[in-house]
Every structure is written in structure tokens, then in C-alpha cells.
C-alpha atoms as a PDB file:
ATOM      1  CA  MET A   1      99.289  91.656 104.937  1.00  0.00           C
ATOM      2  CA  CYS A   2      98.185  93.841 102.850  1.00  0.00           C
ATOM      3  CA  SER A   3     100.543  97.163 102.748  1.00  0.00           C
ATOM      4  CA  HIS A   4      99.393  98.413  98.681  1.00  0.00           C
ATOM      5  CA  PHE A   5      95.841  98.779  97.255  1.00  0.00           C
ATOM      6  CA  HIS A   6      93.995 101.020  94.674  1.00  0.00           C
ATOM      7  CA  ALA A   7      90.527 102.791  95.919  1.00  0.00           C
ATOM      8  CA  PRO A   8      87.991 103.601  93.621  1.00  0.00           C
ATOM      9  CA  GLU A   9      87.040 107.536  92.132  1.00  0.00           C
ATOM     10  CA  PRO A  10      84.816 109.470  93.926  1.00  0.00           C
ATOM     11  CA  ARG A  11      81.978 108.368  91.329  1.00  0.00           C
ATOM     12  CA  GLN A  12      82.211 104.991  91.816  1.00  0.00           C
ATOM     13  CA  LEU A  13      81.814 105.102  95.644  1.00  0.00           C
ATOM     14  CA  ALA A  14      79.048 107.168  95.147  1.00  0.00           C
ATOM     15  CA  ILE A  15      77.431 103.999  92.423  1.00  0.00           C
ATOM     16  CA  ALA A  16      78.812 102.050  95.176  1.00  0.00           C
ATOM     17  CA  PHE A  17      77.326 104.022  98.543  1.00  0.00           C
ATOM     18  CA  GLY A  18      75.040 106.563  98.052  1.00  0.00           C
ATOM     19  CA  THR A  19      76.987 109.449  98.986  1.00  0.00           C
ATOM     20  CA  GLN A  20      80.647 111.759  97.793  1.00  0.00           C
ATOM     21  CA  PRO A  21      83.231 110.743 100.278  1.00  0.00           C
ATOM     22  CA  GLU A  22      83.895 113.702 102.491  1.00  0.00           C
ATOM     23  CA  GLY A  23      87.744 115.215 102.003  1.00  0.00           C
ATOM     24  CA  ASP A  24      89.891 114.430  99.328  1.00  0.00           C
ATOM     25  CA  TYR A  25      92.226 111.876  99.450  1.00  0.00           C
ATOM     26  CA  VAL A  26      94.057 109.547  97.050  1.00  0.00           C
ATOM     27  CA  THR A  27      93.492 106.032  95.022  1.00  0.00           C
ATOM     28  CA  ASP A  28      96.982 105.046  94.991  1.00  0.00           C
ATOM     29  CA  LEU A  29      97.410 104.022  98.603  1.00  0.00           C
ATOM     30  CA  TRP A  30     100.220 102.582 100.972  1.00  0.00           C
ATOM     31  CA  PRO A  31     100.405 102.900 104.234  1.00  0.00           C
ATOM     32  CA  GLY A  32     100.184 106.692 105.971  1.00  0.00           C
ATOM     33  CA  TYR A  33      98.416 107.770 102.591  1.00  0.00           C
ATOM     34  CA  THR A  34      94.738 109.661 102.616  1.00  0.00           C
ATOM     35  CA  GLY A  35      92.100 107.147 101.741  1.00  0.00           C
ATOM     36  CA  ALA A  36      88.006 106.867 101.650  1.00  0.00           C
ATOM     37  CA  PHE A  37      86.471 104.089 103.961  1.00  0.00           C
ATOM     38  CA  VAL A  38      83.077 103.763 104.892  1.00  0.00           C
ATOM     39  CA  ARG A  39      80.887 104.002 108.175  1.00  0.00           C
ATOM     40  CA  ARG A  40      77.482 103.730 109.023  1.00  0.00           C
ATOM     41  CA  HIS A  41      76.424 107.392 109.000  1.00  0.00           C
ATOM     42  CA  PRO A  42      75.730 109.013 112.543  1.00  0.00           C
ATOM     43  CA  HIS A  43      72.367 109.333 111.714  1.00  0.00           C
ATOM     44  CA  ALA A  44      71.049 106.873 109.744  1.00  0.00           C
ATOM     45  CA  ASP A  45      68.691 105.979 112.393  1.00  0.00           C
ATOM     46  CA  ALA A  46      67.137 109.175 112.763  1.00  0.00           C
ATOM     47  CA  GLN A  47      64.305 108.179 109.880  1.00  0.00           C
ATOM     48  CA  ASP A  48      64.786 111.206 107.765  1.00  0.00           C
ATOM     49  CA  ASP A  49      64.950 109.969 103.473  1.00  0.00           C
ATOM     50  CA  ALA A  50      67.539 112.693 103.334  1.00  0.00           C
ATOM     51  CA  VAL A  51      70.556 111.377 105.531  1.00  0.00           C
ATOM     52  CA  PRO A  52      72.233 108.658 103.891  1.00  0.00           C
ATOM     53  CA  ARG A  53      72.845 105.306 105.134  1.00  0.00           C
ATOM     54  CA  TYR A  54      76.038 105.273 104.657  1.00  0.00           C
ATOM     55  CA  ASP A  55      78.926 108.106 105.509  1.00  0.00           C
ATOM     56  CA  VAL A  56      82.266 108.020 103.166  1.00  0.00           C
ATOM     57  CA  SER A  57      84.931 110.070 104.619  1.00  0.00           C
ATOM     58  CA  ALA A  58      88.775 110.509 103.925  1.00  0.00           C
ATOM     59  CA  GLY A  59      90.902 109.332 106.600  1.00  0.00           C
ATOM     60  CA  THR A  60      94.975 108.227 106.945  1.00  0.00           C
ATOM     61  CA  PHE A  61      96.121 104.443 105.797  1.00  0.00           C
ATOM     62  CA  GLY A  62      97.149 102.994 109.216  1.00  0.00           C
ATOM     63  CA  LEU A  63      95.384 103.579 112.293  1.00  0.00           C
ATOM     64  CA  LEU A  64      96.382 106.120 114.685  1.00  0.00           C
ATOM     65  CA  PRO A  65      95.337 105.921 118.212  1.00  0.00           C
ATOM     66  CA  PHE A  66      94.745 108.932 120.361  1.00  0.00           C
ATOM     67  CA  TRP A  67      98.123 108.233 122.478  1.00  0.00           C
ATOM     68  CA  ALA A  68     100.285 108.108 118.884  1.00  0.00           C
ATOM     69  CA  LYS A  69     102.700 110.424 118.861  1.00  0.00           C
ATOM     70  CA  SER A  70     103.672 110.339 115.443  1.00  0.00           C
ATOM     71  CA  ALA A  71     101.501 109.826 112.300  1.00  0.00           C
ATOM     72  CA  THR A  72     104.328 107.298 111.061  1.00  0.00           C
ATOM     73  CA  LEU A  73     103.018 105.218 113.206  1.00  0.00           C
ATOM     74  CA  ALA A  74     100.978 104.635 110.565  1.00  0.00           C
ATOM     75  CA  ARG A  75     103.755 102.476 108.564  1.00  0.00           C
ATOM     76  CA  SER A  76     102.868  99.568 111.446  1.00  0.00           C
ATOM     77  CA  THR A  77      99.385  99.613 111.877  1.00  0.00           C
ATOM     78  CA  TYR A  78      97.514  99.758 108.070  1.00  0.00           C
ATOM     79  CA  ASN A  79      96.584  96.162 109.149  1.00  0.00           C
ATOM     80  CA  ALA A  80      95.303  94.567 112.059  1.00  0.00           C
ATOM     81  CA  ARG A  81      95.458  91.090 112.746  1.00  0.00           C
ATOM     82  CA  SER A  82      92.041  89.814 113.968  1.00  0.00           C
ATOM     83  CA  GLU A  83      93.379  87.088 116.518  1.00  0.00           C
ATOM     84  CA  THR A  84      94.975  89.993 118.600  1.00  0.00           C
ATOM     85  CA  ALA A  85      93.000  93.268 117.476  1.00  0.00           C
ATOM     86  CA  ALA A  86      90.892  93.231 120.856  1.00  0.00           C
ATOM     87  CA  GLU A  87      94.220  93.294 122.950  1.00  0.00           C
ATOM     88  CA  LYS A  88      96.476  95.562 120.853  1.00  0.00           C
ATOM     89  CA  PRO A  89      96.752  99.244 122.397  1.00  0.00           C
ATOM     90  CA  SER A  90      97.000 100.431 118.788  1.00  0.00           C
ATOM     91  CA  PHE A  91      93.117  98.665 118.391  1.00  0.00           C
ATOM     92  CA  ARG A  92      91.115  97.786 121.069  1.00  0.00           C
ATOM     93  CA  ASN A  93      89.171 101.026 121.520  1.00  0.00           C
ATOM     94  CA  ALA A  94      88.161 100.641 117.982  1.00  0.00           C
ATOM     95  CA  TRP A  95      87.436  97.408 118.522  1.00  0.00           C
ATOM     96  CA  LYS A  96      85.747  97.511 122.024  1.00  0.00           C
ATOM     97  CA  LYS A  97      83.743 100.470 120.585  1.00  0.00           C
ATOM     98  CA  GLY A  98      82.941  98.731 117.180  1.00  0.00           C
ATOM     99  CA  GLN A  99      84.067 101.291 115.087  1.00  0.00           C
ATOM    100  CA  ARG A 100      84.151  98.996 112.082  1.00  0.00           C
ATOM    101  CA  CYS A 101      84.072 100.135 108.576  1.00  0.00           C
ATOM    102  CA  ILE A 102      84.268  99.238 105.022  1.00  0.00           C
ATOM    103  CA  ILE A 103      87.590  99.828 102.840  1.00  0.00           C
ATOM    104  CA  PRO A 104      86.917  99.872  99.263  1.00  0.00           C
ATOM    105  CA  ALA A 105      89.192  98.315  96.837  1.00  0.00           C
ATOM    106  CA  GLN A 106      89.733  98.002  93.296  1.00  0.00           C
ATOM    107  CA  CYS A 107      92.478  95.653  93.663  1.00  0.00           C
ATOM    108  CA  ILE A 108      94.925  95.222  96.596  1.00  0.00           C
ATOM    109  CA  PHE A 109      98.554  94.225  95.379  1.00  0.00           C
ATOM    110  CA  GLU A 110     100.647  91.472  97.529  1.00  0.00           C
ATOM    111  CA  PRO A 111     103.910  89.814  96.708  1.00  0.00           C
ATOM    112  CA  ASP A 112     104.774  86.328  95.338  1.00  0.00           C
ATOM    113  CA  TRP A 113     107.749  84.472  96.318  1.00  0.00           C
ATOM    114  CA  ARG A 114     107.416  81.918  94.570  1.00  0.00           C
ATOM    115  CA  THR A 115     110.134  82.413  91.811  1.00  0.00           C
ATOM    116  CA  GLY A 116     112.523  83.563  94.991  1.00  0.00           C
ATOM    117  CA  LYS A 117     112.131  87.123  94.288  1.00  0.00           C
ATOM    118  CA  ALA A 118     109.215  89.350  95.002  1.00  0.00           C
ATOM    119  CA  ILE A 119     106.826  90.104  92.014  1.00  0.00           C
ATOM    120  CA  SER A 120     103.933  92.761  92.081  1.00  0.00           C
ATOM    121  CA  THR A 121     100.191  90.771  91.834  1.00  0.00           C
ATOM    122  CA  ARG A 122      97.498  92.586  91.244  1.00  0.00           C
ATOM    123  CA  ILE A 123      94.093  90.500  92.818  1.00  0.00           C
ATOM    124  CA  ALA A 124      90.898  91.665  92.395  1.00  0.00           C
ATOM    125  CA  ARG A 125      86.932  90.079  92.488  1.00  0.00           C
ATOM    126  CA  ALA A 126      86.373  87.786  89.205  1.00  0.00           C
ATOM    127  CA  ASP A 127      83.178  89.932  88.878  1.00  0.00           C
ATOM    128  CA  GLY A 128      85.046  92.975  88.713  1.00  0.00           C
ATOM    129  CA  GLU A 129      83.291  94.332  91.128  1.00  0.00           C
ATOM    130  CA  LEU A 130      84.524  96.386  94.190  1.00  0.00           C
ATOM    131  CA  MET A 131      86.350  94.645  97.034  1.00  0.00           C
ATOM    132  CA  GLY A 132      84.593  95.649 100.771  1.00  0.00           C
ATOM    133  CA  ILE A 133      87.634  94.986 103.053  1.00  0.00           C
ATOM    134  CA  ALA A 134      86.698  94.841 106.630  1.00  0.00           C
ATOM    135  CA  GLY A 135      88.368  97.176 108.583  1.00  0.00           C
ATOM    136  CA  LEU A 136      88.354  99.947 111.854  1.00  0.00           C
ATOM    137  CA  TRP A 137      88.451 103.187 112.463  1.00  0.00           C
ATOM    138  CA  GLU A 138      89.375 105.598 114.616  1.00  0.00           C
ATOM    139  CA  TRP A 139      89.592 109.174 115.589  1.00  0.00           C
ATOM    140  CA  ARG A 140      91.330 111.672 117.074  1.00  0.00           C
ATOM    141  CA  ARG A 141      90.635 114.861 118.788  1.00  0.00           C
ATOM    142  CA  PRO A 142      92.651 118.338 119.007  1.00  0.00           C
ATOM    143  CA  GLU A 143      94.030 117.958 122.089  1.00  0.00           C
ATOM    144  CA  ASP A 144      95.773 114.489 121.407  1.00  0.00           C
ATOM    145  CA  PRO A 145      99.645 114.253 120.861  1.00  0.00           C
ATOM    146  CA  LEU A 146      99.423 114.499 117.227  1.00  0.00           C
ATOM    147  CA  LYS A 147      96.834 117.778 116.952  1.00  0.00           C
ATOM    148  CA  GLY A 148      94.566 118.134 114.663  1.00  0.00           C
ATOM    149  CA  GLU A 149      91.511 116.382 114.245  1.00  0.00           C
ATOM    150  CA  GLY A 150      91.681 113.609 112.037  1.00  0.00           C
ATOM    151  CA  LEU A 151      90.194 110.063 110.650  1.00  0.00           C
ATOM    152  CA  SER A 152      92.409 106.677 110.245  1.00  0.00           C
ATOM    153  CA  PHE A 153      91.780 103.290 109.153  1.00  0.00           C
ATOM    154  CA  THR A 154      92.937  99.610 109.486  1.00  0.00           C
ATOM    155  CA  MET A 155      92.872  96.564 107.319  1.00  0.00           C
ATOM    156  CA  LEU A 156      91.356  93.321 109.316  1.00  0.00           C
ATOM    157  CA  THR A 157      93.291  90.054 108.679  1.00  0.00           C
ATOM    158  CA  VAL A 158      92.781  86.394 109.117  1.00  0.00           C
ATOM    159  CA  ASN A 159      95.392  83.516 108.213  1.00  0.00           C
ATOM    160  CA  ALA A 160      95.269  82.309 104.761  1.00  0.00           C
ATOM    161  CA  SER A 161      96.533  78.994 105.506  1.00  0.00           C
ATOM    162  CA  GLY A 162      94.653  76.662 102.803  1.00  0.00           C
ATOM    163  CA  HIS A 163      93.967  79.260 100.713  1.00  0.00           C
ATOM    164  CA  GLN A 164      93.966  78.320  97.227  1.00  0.00           C
ATOM    165  CA  LEU A 165      95.229  81.841  95.963  1.00  0.00           C
ATOM    166  CA  MET A 166      96.385  83.875  98.774  1.00  0.00           C
ATOM    167  CA  GLU A 167      99.012  81.142 100.648  1.00  0.00           C
ATOM    168  CA  ASN A 168     100.531  81.864  97.447  1.00  0.00           C
ATOM    169  CA  PHE A 169     101.915  85.390  98.841  1.00  0.00           C
ATOM    170  CA  HIS A 170     104.742  86.862 100.678  1.00  0.00           C
ATOM    171  CA  LYS A 171     108.072  85.022 101.887  1.00  0.00           C
ATOM    172  CA  PRO A 172     108.810  81.406 102.491  1.00  0.00           C
ATOM    173  CA  GLY A 173     107.934  80.673 105.953  1.00  0.00           C
ATOM    174  CA  ASP A 174     106.207  83.603 107.203  1.00  0.00           C
ATOM    175  CA  GLU A 175     103.017  83.231 108.308  1.00  0.00           C
ATOM    176  CA  LYS A 176      99.919  83.622 105.266  1.00  0.00           C
ATOM    177  CA  ARG A 177      97.804  86.162 106.246  1.00  0.00           C
ATOM    178  CA  MET A 178      95.056  88.026 104.129  1.00  0.00           C
ATOM    179  CA  VAL A 179      92.609  91.283 104.313  1.00  0.00           C
ATOM    180  CA  ALA A 180      89.031  90.040 105.544  1.00  0.00           C
ATOM    181  CA  ILE A 181      86.830  90.221 102.994  1.00  0.00           C
ATOM    182  CA  LEU A 182      83.304  91.136 102.644  1.00  0.00           C
ATOM    183  CA  SER A 183      80.705  90.331 100.248  1.00  0.00           C
ATOM    184  CA  PRO A 184      78.141  93.183  99.724  1.00  0.00           C
ATOM    185  CA  ALA A 185      75.583  91.185 101.469  1.00  0.00           C
ATOM    186  CA  GLN A 186      77.310  91.234 104.577  1.00  0.00           C
ATOM    187  CA  PHE A 187      77.900  95.172 104.150  1.00  0.00           C
ATOM    188  CA  ASP A 188      75.050  96.682 106.644  1.00  0.00           C
ATOM    189  CA  GLU A 189      75.628  93.338 109.033  1.00  0.00           C
ATOM    190  CA  TRP A 190      79.027  94.216 109.346  1.00  0.00           C
ATOM    191  CA  LEU A 191      78.394  98.145 110.373  1.00  0.00           C
ATOM    192  CA  ASP A 192      75.781  97.338 112.908  1.00  0.00           C
ATOM    193  CA  ALA A 193      76.256  94.230 114.444  1.00  0.00           C
ATOM    194  CA  PRO A 194      77.362  94.443 118.107  1.00  0.00           C
ATOM    195  CA  VAL A 195      80.893  93.917 119.234  1.00  0.00           C
ATOM    196  CA  SER A 196      80.259  90.202 120.401  1.00  0.00           C
ATOM    197  CA  SER A 197      79.263  89.587 116.322  1.00  0.00           C
ATOM    198  CA  THR A 198      83.126  90.923 115.052  1.00  0.00           C
ATOM    199  CA  MET A 199      85.100  87.764 114.262  1.00  0.00           C
ATOM    200  CA  SER A 200      82.571  86.019 112.727  1.00  0.00           C
ATOM    201  CA  PHE A 201      82.463  88.139 110.036  1.00  0.00           C
ATOM    202  CA  LEU A 202      86.265  87.614 109.677  1.00  0.00           C
ATOM    203  CA  ARG A 203      86.790  84.685 107.448  1.00  0.00           C
ATOM    204  CA  GLN A 204      88.858  83.458 104.291  1.00  0.00           C
ATOM    205  CA  TYR A 205      86.969  84.910 101.175  1.00  0.00           C
ATOM    206  CA  PRO A 206      86.481  82.078  98.604  1.00  0.00           C
ATOM    207  CA  ALA A 207      89.221  81.844  96.056  1.00  0.00           C
ATOM    208  CA  ASN A 208      86.949  81.027  93.027  1.00  0.00           C
ATOM    209  CA  ARG A 209      85.590  84.915  93.756  1.00  0.00           C
ATOM    210  CA  LEU A 210      88.978  86.085  93.305  1.00  0.00           C
ATOM    211  CA  VAL A 211      91.794  86.510  90.151  1.00  0.00           C
ATOM    212  CA  ALA A 212      95.085  86.880  90.633  1.00  0.00           C
ATOM    213  CA  THR A 213      97.169  88.991  87.416  1.00  0.00           C
ATOM    214  CA  VAL A 214     101.212  90.166  87.482  1.00  0.00           C
ATOM    215  CA  GLY A 215     101.675  93.855  87.640  1.00  0.00           C
END
């Protein structure tokens, strides 16, 4: 499960997605912090060349459903198991509505316990390009318990058993998990696919396309 990642700078997002983020965000992300995520622009199908294909927004890392009474819930909703997200109360509304997003990352960090101690390890794409992590987003209305409008997002995860790189992380005995990384060719399909096709995108990313370094 990923609780720490580095987001791209605004100029990198503009190059990758053709638009600047809406709102301020930080690039060193932990649950509860404000990060950038990418959605399909709500007017992208208006056939207006002035409307960008993507909307890059700032939101809480950790999905906050409409019923959340405290923002501290984000500390336990920053990752969503792809196998159960459709039924879990925290995520099922976003899943049912097809509120999918892409979470851009320069790298993620995972603990390597093979020495008996947790060693923070940086994981990035081997080609140096941005990661696009599959996620869900949510929006809360002013009348909701937390008060005030706000966006939030979560990273979707898959089982990492048998993955030559990602099965090395997390404590011995814990289930091996990894975030679902999309290839750039999947970005548009992921954002536009019907809800019934959501699971078809959530697969292990090839180990030979990732690189891990200590620190």
C-alpha cells in the first residue's frame, strides 16, 4: 500500500496533461495532504477547442465520502483495494459513478523489510517518465458534515504476489499489494470507460518497467 509519493511540479503537469492544476498543492504527499489529480474535463465533449481534455485539480490524498465527519478519515482511505472498492462504504459511491482519476507521481515510496528493518525505497518508472496511478475521486458539498466544498482522491491497489519487484515490500506475512499503474496509452480509456470495465484496467505493472533505489 502506498502512503507516500512525490507529485510532479505544475509545469510538468502542464506538459503531460496540457493544463495547470486548479488550486495549490504540495509535491511531497502523505495521507491528508493536498495533492494534484487528473480527471476528464467536464466539458471535454463540447467540441470546443478552447476546452482542455483534462482537468487537473487539487484535493485531499485520502478519499472523503459525503458522510465523513472528520478529515482524519483520509489516513485510512488513501488506498482502495480494487477487489472490494465497489462494496466498501468509503469508495462505493465514487466507483458506482465512475469517478475515476489519474494520480500523477514522479515516484512512490515503499518499506523494504528484507533486512528486518524498514528501509524506505523509491520506486519510479525505469524510463524516467511520470507514473499515472489509477484512482477514484470524490466531492463533498457544503452541507456535508465536514462543511465546505472539497475534492479528495484515493489510489487503487492490486495484489502484488509474484511481482518480481513489488513483492519485496511490506512486512513479512502481510499481503503484498501495489498501486495500479496505467500506461499513458490507457489514460483516456481509463477516464472514459463504462463502470463495468473498471476492473479490466487494474493489473500489475510490469516489473521491468520500474526501478527501485534506496532513499
